[in-house]
Amino acid sequence: MFSMFPVATFRETTLDYANELLIMWDHKMGPLRRGNQGARCHVLLHDRKPVAVTTASNLISPHIGGGAKWLTRENTIELSRLCAERSNITRVALRLWREFVFPSLGYDFAVSYQDRKLHTGNTYRFDGWARVAFSRSGRDTRSGRDGRDKWVWVWPPP
């Protein structure tokens, strides 16, 4: 039988709800907490049930570290969280975000950081992003966590 309702939807959501999902799905970096900066958050729903979430944030530093100083607050948005209840849905959420959300945000570039100890980077590589820099963060002043070694991925590729 034909249904008039979509199988899946990708829509804007609140930072509070995005953080609930990040906690529920045990995102390695945890919920997004960047003071009063805010974020543009989107959720992928399947039969009205959340299955993936994205958050996009302004850069904290004036530019990206690791030698990619051409990526600045003025021209770059960070895909600050990408998480799904099942790993194979992550790539779907990334593609939807890149194709439909990113173009509406008014930036030339999007970046995302990949912790080299936790992930291979294949999610970004298979979606066409380019690895442009390596960065080492200092100790997190809020959580006390040690800094991380991270690859910086950019869309569109330079």
Foldseek 3Di string as FASTA:
>chain_A
DDDPDDQKDKAWDALVVLQVVCVVLVPVVHRDDDDPQGWTKIFMDGVNHTFKMWTKTQDPDQADDFPRRVHGSQAEIEREDIDGSDVVCSLVVVLCCVPPVVVVPPHNKYKYKDQVVPDDCVSLVVSQWAFDGWDWDAQDPPPRDGITIITMTMPPHD
